[in-house]
Amino acid sequence: MSTQEMHEIIKKLKEYKLLKEEAESIISELECQIKTEVKALDTDTLINGEYKCKLTTVNTNRLDSKALKEVHSDIYVSFVKPPSYERLTVK
């Protein structure tokens, strides 16, 4: 692959990442508007035409690894698995 071809690929990547950020921002704002309306109607389900929006609270239990490490560092060390992945940074 030529330098020019790689330059064009990187340029496209940067453009699509920017589009993704803009789309995620718009999606977040629209979801916020829907949540606000559902809450204002004091309901958990909003039906509008063919669309059904349901707002539910999801509770999860997560391990506080920082506290475990402080209180029981021996147990923490025995069970910790360091993740490994590839990261591509383009500036």
N, C-alpha and C. Protein backbone atom coordinates (compact mmCIF):
# COMPACT_ATOMS: atom_id res chain seq x y z
N MET A 1 0.85 -1.17 0.00
CA MET A 1 0.00 0.00 0.00
C MET A 1 0.89 1.24 0.00
N SER A 2 0.56 2.18 -0.83
CA SER A 2 1.38 3.39 -0.93
C SER A 2 1.13 4.33 0.25
N THR A 3 2.02 5.27 0.42
CA THR A 3 1.89 6.26 1.48
C THR A 3 0.62 7.09 1.29
N GLN A 4 0.33 7.42 0.06
CA GLN A 4 -0.86 8.21 -0.24
C GLN A 4 -2.13 7.43 0.09
N GLU A 5 -2.16 6.14 -0.25
CA GLU A 5 -3.33 5.31 0.07
C GLU A 5 -3.53 5.22 1.59
N MET A 6 -2.43 5.03 2.33
CA MET A 6 -2.53 4.96 3.78
C MET A 6 -3.00 6.29 4.35
N HIS A 7 -2.54 7.39 3.78
CA HIS A 7 -2.97 8.71 4.22
C HIS A 7 -4.48 8.87 4.05
N GLU A 8 -4.99 8.43 2.93
CA GLU A 8 -6.43 8.52 2.66
C GLU A 8 -7.23 7.64 3.64
N ILE A 9 -6.72 6.48 3.95
CA ILE A 9 -7.40 5.58 4.91
C ILE A 9 -7.45 6.23 6.29
N ILE A 10 -6.33 6.79 6.72
CA ILE A 10 -6.28 7.45 8.03
C ILE A 10 -7.21 8.65 8.05
N LYS A 11 -7.23 9.41 6.96
CA LYS A 11 -8.11 10.57 6.86
C LYS A 11 -9.58 10.15 6.99
N LYS A 12 -9.95 9.07 6.28
CA LYS A 12 -11.32 8.55 6.36
C LYS A 12 -11.65 8.11 7.78
N LEU A 13 -10.71 7.42 8.43
CA LEU A 13 -10.91 6.97 9.80
C LEU A 13 -11.21 8.15 10.71
N LYS A 14 -10.42 9.20 10.61
CA LYS A 14 -10.63 10.40 11.45
C LYS A 14 -12.00 11.02 11.18
N GLU A 15 -12.39 11.08 9.91
CA GLU A 15 -13.69 11.66 9.55
C GLU A 15 -14.84 10.83 10.13
N TYR A 16 -14.75 9.50 10.02
CA TYR A 16 -15.81 8.64 10.55
C TYR A 16 -15.86 8.66 12.07
N LYS A 17 -14.71 8.79 12.71
CA LYS A 17 -14.71 8.90 14.17
C LYS A 17 -15.41 10.18 14.60
N LEU A 18 -15.20 11.26 13.88
CA LEU A 18 -15.86 12.52 14.18
C LEU A 18 -17.37 12.38 13.97
N LEU A 19 -17.76 11.74 12.87
CA LEU A 19 -19.19 11.51 12.62
C LEU A 19 -19.80 10.66 13.74
N LYS A 20 -19.07 9.66 14.20
CA LYS A 20 -19.56 8.79 15.27
C LYS A 20 -19.79 9.60 16.54
N GLU A 21 -18.82 10.47 16.89
CA GLU A 21 -18.96 11.30 18.08
C GLU A 21 -20.19 12.21 17.98
N GLU A 22 -20.38 12.81 16.81
CA GLU A 22 -21.53 13.68 16.60
C GLU A 22 -22.84 12.90 16.70
N ALA A 23 -22.87 11.70 16.10
CA ALA A 23 -24.07 10.86 16.16
C ALA A 23 -24.36 10.42 17.59
N GLU A 24 -23.32 10.04 18.33
CA GLU A 24 -23.52 9.62 19.71
C GLU A 24 -24.06 10.76 20.57
N SER A 25 -23.62 11.97 20.30
CA SER A 25 -24.11 13.14 21.03
C SER A 25 -25.59 13.38 20.74
N ILE A 26 -25.96 13.28 19.48
CA ILE A 26 -27.37 13.46 19.08
C ILE A 26 -28.24 12.36 19.69
N ILE A 27 -27.76 11.11 19.63
CA ILE A 27 -28.50 9.98 20.20
C ILE A 27 -28.72 10.19 21.68
N SER A 28 -27.69 10.61 22.38
CA SER A 28 -27.79 10.85 23.82
C SER A 28 -28.84 11.92 24.13
N GLU A 29 -28.84 12.99 23.37
CA GLU A 29 -29.81 14.07 23.58
C GLU A 29 -31.24 13.60 23.31
N LEU A 30 -31.43 12.83 22.24
CA LEU A 30 -32.76 12.32 21.92
C LEU A 30 -33.25 11.35 22.99
N GLU A 31 -32.36 10.49 23.47
CA GLU A 31 -32.73 9.56 24.54
C GLU A 31 -33.11 10.32 25.81
N CYS A 32 -32.39 11.37 26.10
CA CYS A 32 -32.69 12.21 27.27
C CYS A 32 -34.08 12.84 27.14
N GLN A 33 -34.41 13.31 25.96
CA GLN A 33 -35.74 13.91 25.74
C GLN A 33 -36.84 12.87 25.95
N ILE A 34 -36.63 11.66 25.44
CA ILE A 34 -37.63 10.59 25.60
C ILE A 34 -37.76 10.22 27.07
N LYS A 35 -36.63 10.05 27.77
CA LYS A 35 -36.67 9.71 29.20
C LYS A 35 -37.41 10.79 30.00
N THR A 36 -37.14 12.04 29.69
CA THR A 36 -37.80 13.14 30.39
C THR A 36 -39.30 13.09 30.18
N GLU A 37 -39.73 12.80 28.97
CA GLU A 37 -41.17 12.72 28.67
C GLU A 37 -41.81 11.54 29.38
N VAL A 38 -41.15 10.39 29.37
CA VAL A 38 -41.69 9.21 30.04
C VAL A 38 -41.85 9.48 31.53
N LYS A 39 -40.84 10.11 32.14
CA LYS A 39 -40.91 10.45 33.56
C LYS A 39 -42.00 11.48 33.84
N ALA A 40 -42.14 12.46 32.96
CA ALA A 40 -43.16 13.50 33.14
C ALA A 40 -44.56 12.92 33.08
N LEU A 41 -44.74 11.86 32.30
CA LEU A 41 -46.04 11.20 32.21
C LEU A 41 -46.25 10.21 33.36
N ASP A 42 -45.25 10.08 34.23
CA ASP A 42 -45.31 9.19 35.39
C ASP A 42 -45.69 7.77 34.97
N THR A 43 -44.96 7.27 34.00
CA THR A 43 -45.18 5.92 33.50
C THR A 43 -43.83 5.29 33.16
N ASP A 44 -43.83 4.01 32.86
CA ASP A 44 -42.58 3.39 32.43
C ASP A 44 -42.62 3.02 30.96
N THR A 45 -43.79 3.18 30.33
CA THR A 45 -43.94 2.82 28.93
C THR A 45 -44.64 3.94 28.17
N LEU A 46 -44.08 4.28 27.04
CA LEU A 46 -44.65 5.30 26.17
C LEU A 46 -44.88 4.67 24.81
N ILE A 47 -46.11 4.70 24.34
CA ILE A 47 -46.43 4.16 23.02
C ILE A 47 -46.83 5.33 22.13
N ASN A 48 -46.17 5.42 20.99
CA ASN A 48 -46.44 6.49 20.04
C ASN A 48 -46.38 5.88 18.64
N GLY A 49 -47.53 5.67 18.05
CA GLY A 49 -47.57 5.05 16.73
C GLY A 49 -47.02 3.64 16.81
N GLU A 50 -46.06 3.34 15.94
CA GLU A 50 -45.47 2.00 15.93
C GLU A 50 -44.32 1.86 16.92
N TYR A 51 -44.02 2.93 17.68
CA TYR A 51 -42.91 2.90 18.61
C TYR A 51 -43.36 2.69 20.05
N LYS A 52 -42.62 1.86 20.75
CA LYS A 52 -42.89 1.61 22.16
C LYS A 52 -41.58 1.84 22.91
N CYS A 53 -41.59 2.81 23.82
CA CYS A 53 -40.40 3.14 24.60
C CYS A 53 -40.66 2.72 26.04
N LYS A 54 -39.76 1.93 26.59
CA LYS A 54 -39.92 1.45 27.95
C LYS A 54 -38.69 1.88 28.75
N LEU A 55 -38.93 2.54 29.88
CA LEU A 55 -37.86 3.01 30.74
C LEU A 55 -37.83 2.15 32.00
N THR A 56 -36.73 1.43 32.19
CA THR A 56 -36.60 0.57 33.35
C THR A 56 -35.30 0.89 34.08
N THR A 57 -35.31 0.65 35.38
CA THR A 57 -34.10 0.80 36.18
C THR A 57 -33.41 -0.55 36.26
N VAL A 58 -32.14 -0.58 35.94
CA VAL A 58 -31.36 -1.81 35.96
C VAL A 58 -30.34 -1.70 37.09
N ASN A 59 -30.40 -2.64 38.02
CA ASN A 59 -29.46 -2.68 39.13
C ASN A 59 -28.44 -3.78 38.89
N THR A 60 -27.19 -3.47 39.13
CA THR A 60 -26.14 -4.46 38.98
C THR A 60 -25.26 -4.46 40.23
N ASN A 61 -24.71 -5.59 40.52
CA ASN A 61 -23.76 -5.71 41.62
C ASN A 61 -22.37 -5.90 41.03
N ARG A 62 -21.49 -5.01 41.41
CA ARG A 62 -20.13 -5.08 40.89
C ARG A 62 -19.14 -5.14 42.05
N LEU A 63 -18.08 -5.82 41.82
CA LEU A 63 -17.05 -5.95 42.82
C LEU A 63 -16.23 -4.66 42.90
N ASP A 64 -16.07 -4.15 44.10
CA ASP A 64 -15.25 -2.97 44.32
C ASP A 64 -13.81 -3.43 44.45
N SER A 65 -13.13 -3.54 43.31
CA SER A 65 -11.78 -4.10 43.30
C SER A 65 -10.79 -3.24 44.07
N LYS A 66 -10.99 -1.93 44.09
CA LYS A 66 -10.08 -1.05 44.83
C LYS A 66 -10.16 -1.33 46.33
N ALA A 67 -11.39 -1.47 46.84
CA ALA A 67 -11.57 -1.77 48.27
C ALA A 67 -11.04 -3.16 48.59
N LEU A 68 -11.30 -4.13 47.72
CA LEU A 68 -10.79 -5.50 47.94
C LEU A 68 -9.27 -5.49 47.98
N LYS A 69 -8.66 -4.74 47.10
CA LYS A 69 -7.20 -4.68 47.06
C LYS A 69 -6.65 -4.08 48.35
N GLU A 70 -7.33 -3.06 48.89
CA GLU A 70 -6.88 -2.41 50.13
C GLU A 70 -7.07 -3.31 51.34
N VAL A 71 -8.22 -3.99 51.44
CA VAL A 71 -8.55 -4.78 52.63
C VAL A 71 -7.96 -6.19 52.58
N HIS A 72 -8.05 -6.83 51.41
CA HIS A 72 -7.58 -8.20 51.26
C HIS A 72 -6.68 -8.31 50.03
N SER A 73 -5.53 -7.70 50.10
CA SER A 73 -4.65 -7.66 48.93
C SER A 73 -4.20 -9.06 48.52
N ASP A 74 -4.08 -9.97 49.46
CA ASP A 74 -3.67 -11.34 49.13
C ASP A 74 -4.71 -12.04 48.26
N ILE A 75 -5.98 -11.84 48.58
CA ILE A 75 -7.06 -12.43 47.77
C ILE A 75 -7.11 -11.74 46.41
N TYR A 76 -6.99 -10.43 46.42
CA TYR A 76 -7.02 -9.67 45.17
C TYR A 76 -5.95 -10.17 44.20
N VAL A 77 -4.73 -10.31 44.67
CA VAL A 77 -3.62 -10.75 43.83
C VAL A 77 -3.86 -12.16 43.30
N SER A 78 -4.49 -13.00 44.09
CA SER A 78 -4.74 -14.38 43.67
C SER A 78 -5.73 -14.47 42.52
N PHE A 79 -6.65 -13.52 42.43
CA PHE A 79 -7.72 -13.63 41.44
C PHE A 79 -7.69 -12.59 40.33
N VAL A 80 -6.78 -11.65 40.38
CA VAL A 80 -6.76 -10.62 39.36
C VAL A 80 -6.21 -11.20 38.05
N LYS A 81 -6.86 -10.81 36.94
CA LYS A 81 -6.42 -11.21 35.60
C LYS A 81 -6.18 -9.94 34.80
N PRO A 82 -4.94 -9.63 34.52
CA PRO A 82 -4.69 -8.41 33.74
C PRO A 82 -5.15 -8.60 32.30
N PRO A 83 -6.01 -7.72 31.82
CA PRO A 83 -6.47 -7.85 30.43
C PRO A 83 -5.38 -7.46 29.44
N SER A 84 -5.51 -7.99 28.27
CA SER A 84 -4.58 -7.67 27.20
C SER A 84 -5.37 -7.42 25.92
N TYR A 85 -5.07 -6.32 25.27
CA TYR A 85 -5.75 -5.99 24.02
C TYR A 85 -4.86 -5.08 23.18
N GLU A 86 -5.24 -4.93 21.93
CA GLU A 86 -4.48 -4.05 21.03
C GLU A 86 -5.15 -2.69 20.99
N ARG A 87 -4.34 -1.64 20.99
CA ARG A 87 -4.87 -0.28 20.90
C ARG A 87 -4.21 0.42 19.73
N LEU A 88 -5.03 0.99 18.85
CA LEU A 88 -4.53 1.77 17.73
C LEU A 88 -4.78 3.23 18.05
N THR A 89 -3.73 4.03 18.06
CA THR A 89 -3.87 5.46 18.30
C THR A 89 -3.50 6.20 17.04
N VAL A 90 -4.42 7.06 16.58
CA VAL A 90 -4.19 7.86 15.39
C VAL A 90 -4.38 9.32 15.76
N LYS A 91 -3.35 10.11 15.59
CA LYS A 91 -3.43 11.55 15.94
C LYS A 91 -3.29 12.39 14.71
